[in-house]
Amino acid sequence: MNSTEIITLSFAALAGIVIGTSFFGGLWWTVRYGIRGKRPGLLFLISLFVRFGLALTGFYFIGSGHSDRLIASLLGFLLSRVLISRFLHPSGRRTVRKVTDALES
């Protein structure tokens, strides 16, 4: 693997991080503000199609016939999911406890 391939894979991973950040950030925004709207179901559906459409289009152009670039971008996508979940919920299981406590009540 030469330096050009390493740079190309690094850019693919960075693009995957950008795609993942926009995907999971959009999901967070939709969940946070979608319930307050007049038609939350429609907002969730539109958000789903927009997020999936942008992510799949990005992966299509990044991969463009090169499986190594596609894998690097998917790894960046997964890394962004881990980073966003730790950034938005640094305390770990706090949300899970609230949900299980609400279900027991």
N, C-alpha and C. Protein backbone atom coordinates (compact mmCIF):
# COMPACT_ATOMS: atom_id res chain seq x y z
N MET A 1 0.86 -1.18 0.00
CA MET A 1 0.00 0.00 0.00
C MET A 1 0.90 1.24 0.00
N ASN A 2 0.73 2.06 -0.99
CA ASN A 2 1.56 3.25 -1.09
C ASN A 2 0.86 4.45 -0.43
N SER A 3 1.54 5.57 -0.43
CA SER A 3 1.03 6.75 0.27
C SER A 3 -0.24 7.30 -0.39
N THR A 4 -0.37 7.17 -1.69
CA THR A 4 -1.58 7.64 -2.37
C THR A 4 -2.80 6.86 -1.92
N GLU A 5 -2.65 5.55 -1.77
CA GLU A 5 -3.77 4.73 -1.32
C GLU A 5 -4.15 5.06 0.12
N ILE A 6 -3.16 5.31 0.95
CA ILE A 6 -3.43 5.66 2.35
C ILE A 6 -4.18 6.98 2.42
N ILE A 7 -3.78 7.94 1.64
CA ILE A 7 -4.46 9.24 1.62
C ILE A 7 -5.89 9.08 1.10
N THR A 8 -6.07 8.28 0.06
CA THR A 8 -7.40 8.05 -0.50
C THR A 8 -8.31 7.39 0.51
N LEU A 9 -7.80 6.39 1.22
CA LEU A 9 -8.61 5.71 2.23
C LEU A 9 -8.89 6.62 3.42
N SER A 10 -7.95 7.49 3.75
CA SER A 10 -8.18 8.44 4.84
C SER A 10 -9.29 9.42 4.49
N PHE A 11 -9.29 9.89 3.26
CA PHE A 11 -10.38 10.78 2.82
C PHE A 11 -11.71 10.06 2.76
N ALA A 12 -11.69 8.79 2.38
CA ALA A 12 -12.93 8.01 2.37
C ALA A 12 -13.47 7.84 3.79
N ALA A 13 -12.57 7.57 4.74
CA ALA A 13 -13.00 7.43 6.14
C ALA A 13 -13.52 8.75 6.68
N LEU A 14 -12.86 9.84 6.33
CA LEU A 14 -13.31 11.16 6.76
C LEU A 14 -14.68 11.49 6.16
N ALA A 15 -14.88 11.14 4.91
CA ALA A 15 -16.19 11.34 4.29
C ALA A 15 -17.25 10.49 4.97
N GLY A 16 -16.89 9.27 5.38
CA GLY A 16 -17.82 8.43 6.13
C GLY A 16 -18.18 9.05 7.48
N ILE A 17 -17.22 9.68 8.12
CA ILE A 17 -17.50 10.36 9.40
C ILE A 17 -18.45 11.51 9.17
N VAL A 18 -18.26 12.26 8.09
CA VAL A 18 -19.16 13.38 7.78
C VAL A 18 -20.56 12.86 7.48
N ILE A 19 -20.66 11.80 6.70
CA ILE A 19 -21.98 11.22 6.40
C ILE A 19 -22.65 10.72 7.67
N GLY A 20 -21.89 10.03 8.50
CA GLY A 20 -22.45 9.51 9.75
C GLY A 20 -22.87 10.61 10.70
N THR A 21 -22.07 11.66 10.78
CA THR A 21 -22.42 12.78 11.65
C THR A 21 -23.72 13.44 11.19
N SER A 22 -23.86 13.63 9.90
CA SER A 22 -25.10 14.23 9.41
C SER A 22 -26.28 13.28 9.57
N PHE A 23 -26.06 11.97 9.37
CA PHE A 23 -27.13 10.98 9.51
C PHE A 23 -27.61 10.91 10.95
N PHE A 24 -26.69 10.67 11.88
CA PHE A 24 -27.09 10.51 13.28
C PHE A 24 -27.44 11.83 13.94
N GLY A 25 -26.83 12.92 13.48
CA GLY A 25 -27.25 14.24 13.96
C GLY A 25 -28.66 14.58 13.52
N GLY A 26 -28.99 14.22 12.28
CA GLY A 26 -30.36 14.41 11.80
C GLY A 26 -31.35 13.54 12.54
N LEU A 27 -30.94 12.33 12.88
CA LEU A 27 -31.81 11.46 13.67
C LEU A 27 -32.04 12.05 15.05
N TRP A 28 -30.99 12.55 15.68
CA TRP A 28 -31.11 13.16 17.00
C TRP A 28 -32.05 14.37 16.94
N TRP A 29 -31.87 15.21 15.92
CA TRP A 29 -32.72 16.39 15.79
C TRP A 29 -34.18 15.98 15.58
N THR A 30 -34.41 14.96 14.75
CA THR A 30 -35.77 14.51 14.47
C THR A 30 -36.44 13.99 15.73
N VAL A 31 -35.74 13.19 16.50
CA VAL A 31 -36.32 12.65 17.73
C VAL A 31 -36.56 13.77 18.74
N ARG A 32 -35.63 14.68 18.83
CA ARG A 32 -35.74 15.75 19.83
C ARG A 32 -36.88 16.72 19.52
N TYR A 33 -37.03 17.10 18.26
CA TYR A 33 -38.01 18.12 17.92
C TYR A 33 -39.22 17.58 17.15
N GLY A 34 -39.18 16.34 16.75
CA GLY A 34 -40.27 15.79 15.95
C GLY A 34 -41.57 15.61 16.70
N ILE A 35 -41.48 15.32 17.96
CA ILE A 35 -42.69 15.08 18.75
C ILE A 35 -43.47 16.37 18.98
N ARG A 36 -42.80 17.49 18.95
CA ARG A 36 -43.47 18.78 19.20
C ARG A 36 -44.28 19.27 18.01
N GLY A 37 -44.04 18.70 16.85
CA GLY A 37 -44.71 19.18 15.64
C GLY A 37 -46.17 18.75 15.56
N LYS A 38 -46.86 19.30 14.58
CA LYS A 38 -48.27 18.98 14.39
C LYS A 38 -48.45 17.58 13.81
N ARG A 39 -47.52 17.16 12.95
CA ARG A 39 -47.59 15.85 12.30
C ARG A 39 -46.25 15.12 12.47
N PRO A 40 -46.00 14.56 13.64
CA PRO A 40 -44.69 13.95 13.88
C PRO A 40 -44.42 12.74 13.00
N GLY A 41 -45.44 11.96 12.67
CA GLY A 41 -45.22 10.79 11.82
C GLY A 41 -44.69 11.16 10.46
N LEU A 42 -45.23 12.21 9.88
CA LEU A 42 -44.77 12.68 8.59
C LEU A 42 -43.33 13.19 8.66
N LEU A 43 -43.02 13.91 9.73
CA LEU A 43 -41.66 14.41 9.90
C LEU A 43 -40.66 13.26 10.04
N PHE A 44 -41.01 12.24 10.81
CA PHE A 44 -40.13 11.10 10.98
C PHE A 44 -39.93 10.36 9.66
N LEU A 45 -40.98 10.23 8.87
CA LEU A 45 -40.89 9.54 7.59
C LEU A 45 -40.03 10.32 6.60
N ILE A 46 -40.25 11.62 6.52
CA ILE A 46 -39.45 12.46 5.62
C ILE A 46 -37.99 12.46 6.05
N SER A 47 -37.75 12.55 7.35
CA SER A 47 -36.39 12.53 7.86
C SER A 47 -35.70 11.21 7.52
N LEU A 48 -36.42 10.12 7.63
CA LEU A 48 -35.85 8.81 7.30
C LEU A 48 -35.42 8.75 5.84
N PHE A 49 -36.30 9.17 4.95
CA PHE A 49 -35.98 9.13 3.53
C PHE A 49 -34.83 10.07 3.17
N VAL A 50 -34.81 11.25 3.74
CA VAL A 50 -33.74 12.21 3.44
C VAL A 50 -32.41 11.69 3.97
N ARG A 51 -32.39 11.21 5.22
CA ARG A 51 -31.14 10.71 5.80
C ARG A 51 -30.61 9.50 5.04
N PHE A 52 -31.49 8.54 4.74
CA PHE A 52 -31.05 7.36 3.99
C PHE A 52 -30.62 7.73 2.58
N GLY A 53 -31.35 8.62 1.94
CA GLY A 53 -31.00 9.04 0.59
C GLY A 53 -29.64 9.70 0.53
N LEU A 54 -29.38 10.61 1.46
CA LEU A 54 -28.08 11.28 1.48
C LEU A 54 -26.95 10.30 1.80
N ALA A 55 -27.18 9.40 2.76
CA ALA A 55 -26.14 8.45 3.14
C ALA A 55 -25.83 7.49 1.99
N LEU A 56 -26.86 6.95 1.37
CA LEU A 56 -26.63 6.00 0.28
C LEU A 56 -25.99 6.67 -0.93
N THR A 57 -26.39 7.89 -1.22
CA THR A 57 -25.77 8.63 -2.32
C THR A 57 -24.30 8.90 -2.03
N GLY A 58 -24.01 9.29 -0.80
CA GLY A 58 -22.62 9.51 -0.42
C GLY A 58 -21.78 8.26 -0.54
N PHE A 59 -22.30 7.13 -0.04
CA PHE A 59 -21.56 5.88 -0.13
C PHE A 59 -21.38 5.43 -1.58
N TYR A 60 -22.37 5.68 -2.40
CA TYR A 60 -22.29 5.32 -3.81
C TYR A 60 -21.15 6.07 -4.50
N PHE A 61 -21.06 7.38 -4.25
CA PHE A 61 -20.02 8.16 -4.91
C PHE A 61 -18.64 7.93 -4.29
N ILE A 62 -18.59 7.66 -3.00
CA ILE A 62 -17.30 7.38 -2.37
C ILE A 62 -16.76 6.04 -2.85
N GLY A 63 -17.63 5.02 -2.84
CA GLY A 63 -17.20 3.69 -3.24
C GLY A 63 -16.85 3.63 -4.70
N SER A 64 -17.71 4.08 -5.55
CA SER A 64 -17.56 4.10 -7.02
C SER A 64 -16.73 2.94 -7.57
N GLY A 65 -17.11 1.73 -7.16
CA GLY A 65 -16.45 0.54 -7.69
C GLY A 65 -15.24 0.09 -6.91
N HIS A 66 -14.88 0.76 -5.84
CA HIS A 66 -13.71 0.40 -5.04
C HIS A 66 -14.18 -0.05 -3.66
N SER A 67 -14.08 -1.34 -3.41
CA SER A 67 -14.58 -1.87 -2.14
C SER A 67 -13.77 -1.39 -0.95
N ASP A 68 -12.49 -1.12 -1.13
CA ASP A 68 -11.68 -0.64 0.00
C ASP A 68 -12.12 0.75 0.44
N ARG A 69 -12.46 1.61 -0.51
CA ARG A 69 -12.97 2.95 -0.15
C ARG A 69 -14.33 2.86 0.54
N LEU A 70 -15.17 1.96 0.05
CA LEU A 70 -16.49 1.78 0.65
C LEU A 70 -16.36 1.28 2.09
N ILE A 71 -15.48 0.33 2.33
CA ILE A 71 -15.27 -0.19 3.68
C ILE A 71 -14.72 0.89 4.60
N ALA A 72 -13.78 1.69 4.11
CA ALA A 72 -13.22 2.78 4.92
C ALA A 72 -14.30 3.80 5.27
N SER A 73 -15.17 4.11 4.32
CA SER A 73 -16.23 5.09 4.61
C SER A 73 -17.27 4.50 5.57
N LEU A 74 -17.56 3.22 5.46
CA LEU A 74 -18.49 2.59 6.40
C LEU A 74 -17.90 2.54 7.82
N LEU A 75 -16.61 2.30 7.92
CA LEU A 75 -15.96 2.33 9.23
C LEU A 75 -16.01 3.74 9.83
N GLY A 76 -15.81 4.75 8.99
CA GLY A 76 -15.94 6.13 9.46
C GLY A 76 -17.37 6.44 9.89
N PHE A 77 -18.34 5.90 9.18
CA PHE A 77 -19.75 6.06 9.52
C PHE A 77 -20.03 5.47 10.91
N LEU A 78 -19.54 4.26 11.15
CA LEU A 78 -19.74 3.62 12.45
C LEU A 78 -19.00 4.35 13.56
N LEU A 79 -17.82 4.86 13.26
CA LEU A 79 -17.08 5.62 14.25
C LEU A 79 -17.84 6.88 14.64
N SER A 80 -18.47 7.53 13.68
CA SER A 80 -19.24 8.74 14.00
C SER A 80 -20.42 8.40 14.89
N ARG A 81 -21.02 7.23 14.73
CA ARG A 81 -22.12 6.82 15.59
C ARG A 81 -21.65 6.69 17.03
N VAL A 82 -20.50 6.08 17.23
CA VAL A 82 -19.96 5.93 18.58
C VAL A 82 -19.63 7.29 19.18
N LEU A 83 -19.01 8.15 18.41
CA LEU A 83 -18.63 9.47 18.91
C LEU A 83 -19.85 10.32 19.25
N ILE A 84 -20.86 10.29 18.39
CA ILE A 84 -22.06 11.09 18.65
C ILE A 84 -22.81 10.57 19.88
N SER A 85 -22.91 9.26 20.02
CA SER A 85 -23.63 8.72 21.17
C SER A 85 -22.90 9.05 22.47
N ARG A 86 -21.58 9.05 22.44
CA ARG A 86 -20.84 9.44 23.66
C ARG A 86 -20.90 10.94 23.91
N PHE A 87 -20.96 11.72 22.85
CA PHE A 87 -21.03 13.16 23.01
C PHE A 87 -22.39 13.59 23.54
N LEU A 88 -23.46 12.99 23.03
CA LEU A 88 -24.81 13.39 23.43
C LEU A 88 -25.23 12.79 24.76
N HIS A 89 -24.69 11.63 25.11
CA HIS A 89 -25.02 10.98 26.39
C HIS A 89 -23.75 10.54 27.08
N PRO A 90 -23.00 11.48 27.65
CA PRO A 90 -21.72 11.11 28.27
C PRO A 90 -21.87 10.27 29.53
N SER A 91 -23.04 10.28 30.15
CA SER A 91 -23.22 9.53 31.39
C SER A 91 -23.52 8.06 31.17
N GLY A 92 -23.60 7.63 29.93
CA GLY A 92 -23.79 6.21 29.67
C GLY A 92 -25.23 5.77 29.67
N ARG A 93 -25.66 5.02 30.68
CA ARG A 93 -26.96 4.35 30.69
C ARG A 93 -28.07 5.18 31.33
N ARG A 94 -27.87 6.43 31.50
CA ARG A 94 -28.88 7.25 32.17
C ARG A 94 -30.23 7.20 31.46
N THR A 95 -30.26 7.25 30.15
CA THR A 95 -31.50 7.24 29.39
C THR A 95 -32.19 5.89 29.51
N VAL A 96 -31.42 4.82 29.50
CA VAL A 96 -32.01 3.48 29.60
C VAL A 96 -32.70 3.31 30.94
N ARG A 97 -32.09 3.80 31.99
CA ARG A 97 -32.71 3.70 33.32
C ARG A 97 -34.02 4.48 33.38
N LYS A 98 -34.06 5.65 32.79
CA LYS A 98 -35.29 6.44 32.79
C LYS A 98 -36.40 5.72 32.05
N VAL A 99 -36.09 5.09 30.94
CA VAL A 99 -37.09 4.39 30.16
C VAL A 99 -37.60 3.18 30.93
N THR A 100 -36.70 2.41 31.53
CA THR A 100 -37.13 1.22 32.25
C THR A 100 -37.91 1.60 33.52
N ASP A 101 -37.53 2.71 34.16
CA ASP A 101 -38.29 3.17 35.31
C ASP A 101 -39.69 3.60 34.91
N ALA A 102 -39.82 4.24 33.76
CA ALA A 102 -41.15 4.66 33.26
C ALA A 102 -42.00 3.47 32.91
N LEU A 103 -41.40 2.41 32.39
CA LEU A 103 -42.17 1.23 32.02
C LEU A 103 -42.66 0.47 33.25
N GLU A 104 -41.88 0.50 34.33
CA GLU A 104 -42.27 -0.18 35.55
C GLU A 104 -43.37 0.55 36.29
N SER A 105 -43.50 1.84 36.09
CA SER A 105 -44.50 2.64 36.81
C SER A 105 -45.90 2.38 36.31
